[in-house]
Amino acid sequence: MCLAKIIDALRPRPTIVAWICEESGLLAGAKCSKVAPKRYYVDPRPGEPEIPADVCDIHEPAPEPEPEPQPEPEPMPPIPQADHTPPRTGMDFYQAVCFPLVDVKQYLDDLVVNGGSLIRFFGDFVWPITHPQAGWRWSLFRQVGWYAEHGGPFDGREYPLYTIAKSLEYGEPWNEPVWEKYRAIFKLCAERKIKVTWSILDGCSMKNYKAAPDQTRYQPLLQCVQHHGAEGGDKTYKRVDGTRGTGYSIHTGGIYGGFGGDRGTMRQYLPFVFDKAVRLLRSIPGLDWRINLGNEMERRREGSETQADVDGILHDWHDHFIRQLLALGVRPDQIVVSITGTNSREAVSLPLVRRHGVTEQIHGPNSDTALLDFLSRFPGAEIDGDGQDRHAAGYTNGMMTLPSIDQCRRMRSILKDRGLTYQTYNAHCEPAWGQQEIRLAGWAEQRALAGK
């Protein structure tokens, strides 16, 4: 061996240290827990160990399996949109809040598909009384107990009792789940471009003591702890939890005294009802809405009152709350006035229309004959078909008769030529007095009115 090779063999060889996974023998990875340093020659000779070329990955989590391709979701059917081409027509369904939202949605879809663009709901109603969907169970006011009738034909019978004003015992009087149900219904209407009229009070249920005397005993404005606390006699009532309570000293004056006079304290709490109602309606994006102070409002004579007296009282009552709504920023055309009974249109409605520009609504007619007579006697008023019409020749449920299909077609022509709206009553939904059923709705009249 030459001297050069001997010198080269004695020279130290360069090495490198690598961290090795003791479990795999590969270069240690980030997840290896047992690692050790190991020295290697930079230029290994044949038979000498070499630095592993691969990094250990036996401690890495298993790769996620490739996701299975999912089928494309079925496209949602488009929400039907109301046709606002004149004549604009629609149906009442004032008890919709009683029914499951899915049924209300179907009803509104059917309304639009059949050419409707208008609908009316009642915020405060009583009937049906004994039906499972009884309206008094869905009041805007909160039921707080029961009271027993003393004397008369209903002696001993228990009736629901409400609170209609804020109190120390019950706090706010609102039945919040019902308000939220209306919010959901109004949202459905906004999505379908249906114009909503909300009748906050129902004068028909408050005054109907002759046709259905038991009915008024379910009316929140008449049957409330505030009213019963001021009536004298037995002021106690049974709370919802079964304990006994005592009525309060605020007096509503019932429906009649409450409209005016010394006991007209309805004005003390109704502002809160109307304010809350307007706030709810405004909270629904895109909702086209109107507010009706009260459906079929009336003030009968009491004691020595003259007809002029009661007309003046009812006029002043409406004027008071119209001014409140205007102060809240409600447009005049969003305010509807509806009176009935013996009160004079000339003394009540027309002065309000002239002074404030509000909408006057008159019930009836349900035939082309009555429609033409209506237009000649009540120019400028809005028509609502919730009324009796001796000329109506269509479907009848024993209480209400609708126009026949031919009458609807002729009414459509009259309405279209004058740019009017017409909202009829869906008598198909109410096969017997006090039992309205949303699933029985009939649409033939609506199609004829809309030209479908």
Protein backbone atom coordinates (compact mmCIF):
# COMPACT_ATOMS: atom_id res chain seq x y z
CA MET A 1 0.00 0.00 0.00
CA CYS A 2 1.39 3.33 -0.95
CA LEU A 3 1.96 6.03 1.59
CA ALA A 4 -0.90 8.21 0.24
CA LYS A 5 -3.47 5.50 0.74
CA ILE A 6 -2.21 4.82 4.24
CA ILE A 7 -2.50 8.50 5.15
CA ASP A 8 -6.05 8.61 3.67
CA ALA A 9 -7.16 5.56 5.64
CA LEU A 10 -5.95 7.09 8.94
CA ARG A 11 -7.76 10.46 8.29
CA PRO A 12 -11.08 10.80 10.32
CA ARG A 13 -14.21 10.31 8.12
CA PRO A 14 -17.00 12.92 8.33
CA THR A 15 -20.24 11.80 9.99
CA ILE A 16 -23.76 13.16 10.55
CA VAL A 17 -26.29 12.58 13.32
CA ALA A 18 -29.91 11.79 12.40
CA TRP A 19 -32.89 11.35 14.76
CA ILE A 20 -34.43 7.96 14.19
CA CYS A 21 -37.83 6.57 15.27
CA GLU A 22 -37.08 3.57 17.45
CA GLU A 23 -40.30 1.86 16.37
CA SER A 24 -39.93 2.13 12.59
CA GLY A 25 -36.20 2.77 12.09
CA LEU A 26 -37.06 5.67 9.80
CA LEU A 27 -36.29 9.34 10.14
CA ALA A 28 -38.34 10.62 13.07
CA GLY A 29 -41.54 12.45 12.16
CA ALA A 30 -43.44 15.08 14.12
CA LYS A 31 -45.73 12.48 15.73
CA CYS A 32 -42.98 10.00 16.80
CA SER A 33 -42.69 9.68 20.59
CA LYS A 34 -39.69 7.31 20.90
CA VAL A 35 -36.73 8.78 19.04
CA ALA A 36 -32.94 8.44 19.40
CA PRO A 37 -29.93 10.06 17.74
CA LYS A 38 -27.87 7.86 15.42
CA ARG A 39 -24.61 8.74 13.71
CA TYR A 40 -24.00 7.91 10.06
CA TYR A 41 -21.02 8.32 7.73
CA VAL A 42 -21.53 11.06 5.23
CA ASP A 43 -20.06 8.81 2.51
CA PRO A 44 -20.86 5.29 3.67
CA ARG A 45 -18.80 2.48 2.26
CA PRO A 46 -20.33 -0.75 0.99
CA GLY A 47 -22.04 -2.60 3.88
CA GLU A 48 -22.18 0.48 6.18
CA PRO A 49 -25.64 1.73 7.26
CA GLU A 50 -27.12 4.66 5.35
CA ILE A 51 -29.42 7.42 6.56
CA PRO A 52 -33.04 6.32 5.96
CA ALA A 53 -34.55 8.06 2.99
CA ASP A 54 -38.11 8.15 4.36
CA VAL A 55 -39.73 9.91 7.30
CA CYS A 56 -41.78 7.83 9.71
CA ASP A 57 -45.54 8.23 9.28
CA ILE A 58 -46.89 5.24 11.20
CA HIS A 59 -48.05 7.58 13.97
CA GLU A 60 -50.05 9.89 11.66
CA PRO A 61 -53.87 9.58 11.78
CA ALA A 62 -55.44 7.55 9.03
CA PRO A 63 -56.41 9.70 6.08
CA GLU A 64 -60.03 10.80 5.98
CA PRO A 65 -62.01 8.74 3.51
CA GLU A 66 -63.09 10.58 0.44
CA PRO A 67 -66.65 11.85 0.99
CA GLU A 68 -69.32 10.05 -0.91
CA PRO A 69 -70.86 12.28 -3.54
CA GLN A 70 -74.20 13.51 -2.21
CA PRO A 71 -77.21 13.85 -4.45
CA GLU A 72 -78.24 17.39 -5.21
CA PRO A 73 -81.08 18.54 -2.88
CA GLU A 74 -84.49 18.73 -4.44
CA PRO A 75 -85.14 22.33 -5.43
CA MET A 76 -87.72 24.03 -3.19
CA PRO A 77 -90.88 24.88 -5.09
CA PRO A 78 -91.12 28.62 -5.67
CA ILE A 79 -93.35 30.53 -3.26
CA PRO A 80 -96.47 31.60 -5.18
CA GLN A 81 -96.70 35.36 -5.61
CA ALA A 82 -100.01 37.21 -5.42
CA ASP A 83 -101.28 38.87 -8.58
CA HIS A 84 -102.11 42.52 -7.84
CA THR A 85 -103.72 43.18 -11.22
CA PRO A 86 -107.19 44.72 -10.75
CA PRO A 87 -109.59 43.65 -9.56
CA ARG A 88 -107.82 42.68 -6.35
CA THR A 89 -109.82 40.10 -4.46
CA GLY A 90 -109.33 37.92 -1.44
CA MET A 91 -110.85 35.84 1.33
CA ASP A 92 -111.31 36.31 5.05
CA PHE A 93 -109.81 33.82 7.42
CA TYR A 94 -109.98 35.56 10.73
CA GLN A 95 -109.36 32.44 12.83
CA ALA A 96 -106.18 31.28 11.10
CA VAL A 97 -104.09 31.69 14.26
CA CYS A 98 -105.90 28.71 15.78
CA PHE A 99 -104.56 26.27 13.21
CA PRO A 100 -101.14 24.66 12.69
CA LEU A 101 -98.81 26.88 10.70
CA VAL A 102 -98.44 24.25 7.99
CA ASP A 103 -102.21 24.44 7.36
CA VAL A 104 -102.16 28.24 7.32
CA LYS A 105 -99.32 28.13 4.79
CA GLN A 106 -101.33 25.80 2.56
CA TYR A 107 -104.37 28.07 2.84
CA LEU A 108 -102.33 31.12 1.82
CA ASP A 109 -100.75 29.22 -1.09
CA ASP A 110 -104.22 28.17 -2.25
CA LEU A 111 -105.43 31.76 -1.94
CA VAL A 112 -102.66 33.03 -4.21
CA VAL A 113 -102.93 30.17 -6.72
CA ASN A 114 -106.64 30.93 -7.05
CA GLY A 115 -106.03 34.60 -7.77
CA GLY A 116 -106.32 36.16 -4.31
CA SER A 117 -104.08 38.94 -3.03
CA LEU A 118 -105.98 40.15 0.07
CA ILE A 119 -106.72 38.57 3.44
CA ARG A 120 -108.12 39.65 6.79
CA PHE A 121 -107.37 38.26 10.26
CA PHE A 122 -108.97 39.03 13.61
CA GLY A 123 -106.67 39.78 16.51
CA ASP A 124 -109.50 39.49 18.99
CA PHE A 125 -112.34 37.03 18.46
CA VAL A 126 -114.44 34.68 20.53
CA TRP A 127 -116.22 32.04 18.48
CA PRO A 128 -116.26 29.12 18.09
CA ILE A 129 -117.02 28.66 21.77
CA THR A 130 -117.08 24.89 22.25
CA HIS A 131 -115.05 23.84 19.20
CA PRO A 132 -111.60 22.30 19.92
CA GLN A 133 -110.10 25.30 18.11
CA ALA A 134 -112.10 27.74 20.24
CA GLY A 135 -111.13 31.32 19.50
CA TRP A 136 -111.12 32.42 23.12
CA ARG A 137 -108.20 30.05 23.69
CA TRP A 138 -106.16 32.21 21.28
CA SER A 139 -106.74 35.70 22.63
CA LEU A 140 -104.12 38.46 22.40
CA PHE A 141 -104.74 38.88 26.14
CA ARG A 142 -103.56 36.36 28.71
CA GLN A 143 -106.10 34.18 30.49
CA VAL A 144 -105.47 34.28 34.24
CA GLY A 145 -108.35 32.30 35.63
CA TRP A 146 -112.06 31.48 35.66
CA TYR A 147 -115.11 33.11 37.17
CA ALA A 148 -118.50 31.61 38.00
CA GLU A 149 -121.69 33.23 36.68
CA HIS A 150 -124.15 34.22 39.42
CA GLY A 151 -127.83 34.20 38.51
CA GLY A 152 -129.53 34.19 35.15
CA PRO A 153 -129.66 31.40 32.55
CA PHE A 154 -125.96 30.59 32.98
CA ASP A 155 -125.92 30.49 36.78
CA GLY A 156 -123.00 28.44 38.10
CA ARG A 157 -121.25 28.08 34.75
CA GLU A 158 -117.53 28.94 34.64
CA TYR A 159 -116.07 31.26 32.02
CA PRO A 160 -112.49 32.28 31.19
CA LEU A 161 -111.15 35.43 32.82
CA TYR A 162 -108.37 37.57 31.34
CA THR A 163 -106.14 40.45 32.33
CA ILE A 164 -106.30 43.39 29.94
CA ALA A 165 -103.94 45.83 31.64
CA LYS A 166 -100.52 45.69 33.26
CA SER A 167 -100.80 44.77 36.93
CA LEU A 168 -98.60 44.03 39.92
CA GLU A 169 -99.96 40.50 40.08
CA TYR A 170 -99.64 39.49 36.43
CA GLY A 171 -97.29 41.99 34.85
CA GLU A 172 -97.92 42.59 31.13
CA PRO A 173 -101.29 41.33 29.90
CA TRP A 174 -100.09 39.86 26.62
CA ASN A 175 -100.47 36.27 25.52
CA GLU A 176 -97.04 36.33 23.87
CA PRO A 177 -97.24 32.94 22.07
CA VAL A 178 -100.30 34.23 20.18
CA TRP A 179 -98.51 37.44 19.18
CA GLU A 180 -95.59 35.34 17.92
CA LYS A 181 -97.96 33.06 15.99
CA TYR A 182 -99.34 36.12 14.24
CA ARG A 183 -95.77 37.20 13.48
CA ALA A 184 -95.17 33.87 11.74
CA ILE A 185 -98.44 34.14 9.78
CA PHE A 186 -97.67 37.71 8.68
CA LYS A 187 -94.23 36.55 7.50
CA LEU A 188 -95.92 33.94 5.29
CA CYS A 189 -98.17 36.68 3.88
CA ALA A 190 -95.20 38.96 3.18
CA GLU A 191 -93.37 36.17 1.32
CA ARG A 192 -96.45 35.71 -0.89
CA LYS A 193 -97.10 39.45 -1.38
CA ILE A 194 -100.55 39.13 0.21
CA LYS A 195 -101.98 42.37 1.59
CA VAL A 196 -103.08 41.93 5.22
CA THR A 197 -105.86 43.68 7.11
CA TRP A 198 -105.65 43.02 10.85
CA SER A 199 -108.86 43.71 12.77
CA ILE A 200 -107.55 44.18 16.29
CA LEU A 201 -110.97 44.18 17.98
CA ASP A 202 -114.11 42.35 16.92
CA GLY A 203 -117.20 44.37 17.73
CA CYS A 204 -119.39 41.57 16.41
CA SER A 205 -118.38 39.24 19.23
CA MET A 206 -118.74 42.02 21.82
CA LYS A 207 -122.24 43.05 20.84
CA ASN A 208 -123.73 39.69 19.89
CA TYR A 209 -125.57 39.10 23.15
CA LYS A 210 -128.96 38.57 21.45
CA ALA A 211 -127.94 36.02 18.80
CA ALA A 212 -125.53 34.19 21.09
CA PRO A 213 -125.78 35.44 24.69
CA ASP A 214 -123.26 32.90 25.92
CA GLN A 215 -120.69 34.24 23.43
CA THR A 216 -120.04 37.56 25.15
CA ARG A 217 -119.01 35.70 28.31
CA TYR A 218 -115.85 34.63 26.49
CA GLN A 219 -114.93 38.18 25.39
CA PRO A 220 -111.63 39.33 26.99
CA LEU A 221 -112.68 42.99 27.07
CA LEU A 222 -115.83 42.10 28.97
CA GLN A 223 -114.60 39.18 31.05
CA CYS A 224 -111.47 40.44 32.76
CA VAL A 225 -110.25 40.73 36.35
CA GLN A 226 -110.36 44.52 36.03
CA HIS A 227 -114.03 44.54 35.05
CA HIS A 228 -115.15 41.98 37.62
CA GLY A 229 -113.35 43.75 40.40
CA ALA A 230 -115.62 46.77 39.93
CA GLU A 231 -118.96 45.08 39.40
CA GLY A 232 -119.82 44.47 43.03
CA GLY A 233 -121.12 41.16 44.37
CA ASP A 234 -118.67 38.27 44.35
CA LYS A 235 -115.37 39.80 43.28
CA THR A 236 -113.36 36.62 43.69
CA TYR A 237 -112.29 34.31 40.90
CA LYS A 238 -110.35 31.10 40.48
CA ARG A 239 -106.82 31.59 39.23
CA VAL A 240 -105.32 29.24 36.66
CA ASP A 241 -103.41 27.47 39.45
CA GLY A 242 -106.64 26.87 41.38
CA THR A 243 -106.15 29.50 44.10
CA ARG A 244 -108.60 32.32 44.67
CA GLY A 245 -108.00 35.87 43.49
CA THR A 246 -109.82 39.18 43.74
CA GLY A 247 -110.78 41.44 40.87
CA TYR A 248 -109.22 44.87 40.48
CA SER A 249 -110.86 48.26 40.73
CA ILE A 250 -110.31 49.47 37.16
CA HIS A 251 -113.63 49.55 35.33
CA THR A 252 -113.79 48.92 31.60
CA GLY A 253 -117.37 50.05 31.30
CA GLY A 254 -118.04 47.02 29.13
CA ILE A 255 -118.18 47.63 25.42
CA TYR A 256 -120.72 50.44 25.55
CA GLY A 257 -119.79 52.54 28.57
CA GLY A 258 -116.20 51.92 27.56
CA PHE A 259 -116.74 53.86 24.35
CA GLY A 260 -117.42 57.07 26.17
CA GLY A 261 -118.78 58.81 29.23
CA ASP A 262 -117.53 58.74 32.80
CA ARG A 263 -116.66 55.05 32.61
CA GLY A 264 -114.89 55.21 29.26
CA THR A 265 -111.71 53.66 30.58
CA MET A 266 -111.18 51.54 27.46
CA ARG A 267 -109.08 54.50 26.39
CA GLN A 268 -106.69 53.83 29.26
CA TYR A 269 -105.43 50.49 28.00
CA LEU A 270 -106.35 50.15 24.30
CA PRO A 271 -103.51 52.53 23.29
CA PHE A 272 -101.07 49.84 24.42
CA VAL A 273 -102.86 47.22 22.29
CA PHE A 274 -102.74 49.35 19.14
CA ASP A 275 -99.13 50.39 19.76
CA LYS A 276 -98.03 46.76 20.17
CA ALA A 277 -100.00 45.72 17.08
CA VAL A 278 -98.40 48.41 14.91
CA ARG A 279 -94.93 47.47 16.13
CA LEU A 280 -95.57 43.83 15.24
CA LEU A 281 -96.86 44.65 11.75
CA ARG A 282 -93.90 46.92 11.09
CA SER A 283 -91.44 44.26 12.20
CA ILE A 284 -92.22 42.02 9.19
CA PRO A 285 -89.99 42.97 6.22
CA GLY A 286 -91.99 43.56 3.06
CA LEU A 287 -95.43 43.15 4.64
CA ASP A 288 -98.20 45.18 3.00
CA TRP A 289 -100.51 45.80 5.94
CA ARG A 290 -103.46 47.77 7.26
CA ILE A 291 -104.92 47.97 10.75
CA ASN A 292 -108.64 47.96 11.47
CA LEU A 293 -109.50 49.49 14.85
CA GLY A 294 -112.48 47.20 15.21
CA ASN A 295 -114.65 45.04 12.99
CA GLU A 296 -118.35 45.92 13.02
CA MET A 297 -118.05 48.42 15.86
CA GLU A 298 -121.30 49.67 17.33
CA ARG A 299 -122.58 51.83 20.22
CA ARG A 300 -126.13 51.09 21.27
CA ARG A 301 -128.24 53.57 23.21
CA GLU A 302 -128.30 53.31 26.99
CA GLY A 303 -130.71 55.06 29.34
CA SER A 304 -131.78 58.45 27.98
CA GLU A 305 -129.15 58.56 25.19
CA THR A 306 -130.35 59.59 21.75
CA GLN A 307 -129.08 58.18 18.46
CA ALA A 308 -127.12 61.38 17.96
CA ASP A 309 -125.50 60.82 21.35
CA VAL A 310 -124.28 57.32 20.57
CA ASP A 311 -123.18 58.26 17.05
CA GLY A 312 -121.10 61.03 18.58
CA ILE A 313 -119.59 58.68 21.16
CA LEU A 314 -118.59 56.10 18.53
CA HIS A 315 -117.20 58.82 16.27
CA ASP A 316 -115.11 60.28 19.09
CA TRP A 317 -113.84 56.84 20.07
CA HIS A 318 -112.61 56.17 16.52
CA ASP A 319 -111.23 59.70 16.18
CA HIS A 320 -109.23 59.27 19.41
CA PHE A 321 -107.49 56.10 18.21
CA ILE A 322 -107.06 57.23 14.61
CA ARG A 323 -105.10 60.18 15.98
CA GLN A 324 -103.01 57.77 18.05
CA LEU A 325 -102.18 55.67 14.99
CA LEU A 326 -101.32 58.75 12.94
CA ALA A 327 -99.01 59.89 15.77
CA LEU A 328 -97.31 56.47 15.54
CA GLY A 329 -96.60 57.18 11.88
CA VAL A 330 -99.29 54.94 10.41
CA ARG A 331 -100.44 56.25 7.02
CA PRO A 332 -104.12 57.24 6.74
CA ASP A 333 -104.68 54.68 3.98
CA GLN A 334 -103.43 51.96 6.37
CA ILE A 335 -106.26 52.68 8.84
CA VAL A 336 -109.64 50.98 8.29
CA VAL A 337 -112.90 52.01 9.97
CA SER A 338 -115.77 49.53 10.10
CA ILE A 339 -119.11 50.26 11.81
CA THR A 340 -122.41 48.43 11.75
CA GLY A 341 -125.78 48.20 13.42
CA THR A 342 -127.81 51.32 14.11
CA ASN A 343 -124.94 53.79 14.00
CA SER A 344 -125.04 56.30 11.20
CA ARG A 345 -122.41 56.23 8.49
CA GLU A 346 -123.00 59.94 7.91
CA ALA A 347 -122.35 60.75 11.58
CA VAL A 348 -119.48 58.32 12.25
CA SER A 349 -117.53 57.04 9.22
CA LEU A 350 -117.79 59.80 6.65
CA PRO A 351 -116.53 62.63 8.91
CA LEU A 352 -113.52 60.44 9.78
CA VAL A 353 -112.82 59.77 6.11
CA ARG A 354 -113.05 63.47 5.26
CA ARG A 355 -110.94 64.60 8.21
CA HIS A 356 -108.21 61.95 8.22
CA GLY A 357 -108.33 60.23 4.81
CA VAL A 358 -108.81 56.78 6.35
CA THR A 359 -110.47 53.84 4.56
CA GLU A 360 -114.14 53.15 5.21
CA GLN A 361 -115.15 49.49 5.04
CA ILE A 362 -118.77 48.37 4.76
CA HIS A 363 -119.88 44.75 4.98
CA GLY A 364 -121.70 43.23 2.02
CA PRO A 365 -122.60 42.74 -0.70
CA ASN A 366 -122.37 39.20 -2.04
CA SER A 367 -124.03 39.67 -5.43
CA ASP A 368 -123.71 41.90 -8.47
CA THR A 369 -127.17 43.34 -7.80
CA ALA A 370 -126.23 44.46 -4.31
CA LEU A 371 -122.81 45.58 -5.53
CA LEU A 372 -124.26 48.07 -8.00
CA ASP A 373 -126.65 49.39 -5.34
CA PHE A 374 -123.75 49.61 -2.88
CA LEU A 375 -121.62 51.65 -5.29
CA SER A 376 -124.43 54.14 -5.83
CA ARG A 377 -125.16 54.57 -2.10
CA PHE A 378 -121.63 54.36 -0.69
CA PRO A 379 -119.25 55.91 -3.21
CA GLY A 380 -115.63 55.51 -2.20
CA ALA A 381 -116.23 52.89 0.49
CA GLU A 382 -114.47 49.54 0.47
CA ILE A 383 -116.48 46.34 0.19
CA ASP A 384 -116.19 43.37 2.50
CA GLY A 385 -118.35 40.34 1.75
CA ASP A 386 -118.80 39.38 5.40
CA GLY A 387 -122.46 40.28 5.45
CA GLN A 388 -125.99 39.19 4.57
CA ASP A 389 -127.21 39.68 1.01
CA ARG A 390 -130.69 38.49 0.03
CA HIS A 391 -129.61 38.48 -3.64
CA ALA A 392 -126.68 36.09 -3.08
CA ALA A 393 -127.37 32.80 -4.87
CA GLY A 394 -124.31 30.63 -4.23
CA TYR A 395 -123.04 28.31 -1.53
CA THR A 396 -124.66 28.71 1.86
CA ASN A 397 -123.76 27.23 5.24
CA GLY A 398 -126.95 28.29 6.99
CA MET A 399 -125.42 31.52 8.23
CA MET A 400 -123.75 33.09 5.20
CA THR A 401 -124.53 32.88 1.49
CA LEU A 402 -121.84 33.52 -1.09
CA PRO A 403 -122.37 34.84 -4.62
CA SER A 404 -122.92 32.21 -7.26
CA ILE A 405 -120.17 31.61 -9.80
CA ASP A 406 -122.06 33.61 -12.43
CA GLN A 407 -122.59 36.43 -9.92
CA CYS A 408 -118.86 36.37 -9.12
CA ARG A 409 -118.01 36.75 -12.80
CA ARG A 410 -120.36 39.71 -13.16
CA MET A 411 -119.01 41.24 -9.94
CA ARG A 412 -115.48 40.86 -11.31
CA SER A 413 -116.38 42.94 -14.35
CA ILE A 414 -117.90 45.69 -12.19
CA LEU A 415 -114.91 45.75 -9.83
CA LYS A 416 -112.35 45.70 -12.63
CA ASP A 417 -113.95 48.59 -14.50
CA ARG A 418 -113.85 50.72 -11.34
CA GLY A 419 -110.48 49.56 -9.97
CA LEU A 420 -112.09 48.31 -6.74
CA THR A 421 -111.14 45.56 -4.32
CA TYR A 422 -113.45 42.97 -2.84
CA GLN A 423 -112.86 40.57 0.01
CA THR A 424 -115.41 37.85 0.50
CA TYR A 425 -116.12 35.51 3.37
CA ASN A 426 -115.11 31.88 2.84
CA ALA A 427 -118.31 30.26 4.06
CA HIS A 428 -117.04 26.86 2.94
CA CYS A 429 -114.71 26.95 5.96
CA GLU A 430 -117.57 27.25 8.42
CA PRO A 431 -119.99 24.37 7.80
CA ALA A 432 -121.92 25.13 10.97
CA TRP A 433 -122.21 28.12 13.30
CA GLY A 434 -119.07 28.46 15.33
CA GLN A 435 -116.99 25.75 13.67
CA GLN A 436 -114.66 27.22 11.12
CA GLU A 437 -112.33 24.64 9.57
CA ILE A 438 -109.40 25.73 7.45
CA ARG A 439 -109.12 22.40 5.61
CA LEU A 440 -112.62 22.77 4.09
CA ALA A 441 -111.87 25.98 2.23
CA GLY A 442 -113.53 26.31 -1.17
CA TRP A 443 -112.01 28.37 -3.95
CA ALA A 444 -114.44 28.34 -6.89
CA GLU A 445 -115.80 31.80 -6.03
CA GLN A 446 -112.31 33.23 -5.66
CA ARG A 447 -111.28 31.90 -9.06
CA ALA A 448 -114.35 33.41 -10.68
CA LEU A 449 -113.77 36.78 -9.01
CA ALA A 450 -110.14 36.77 -10.16
CA GLY A 451 -110.89 35.52 -13.68
CA LYS A 452 -108.97 32.29 -13.19
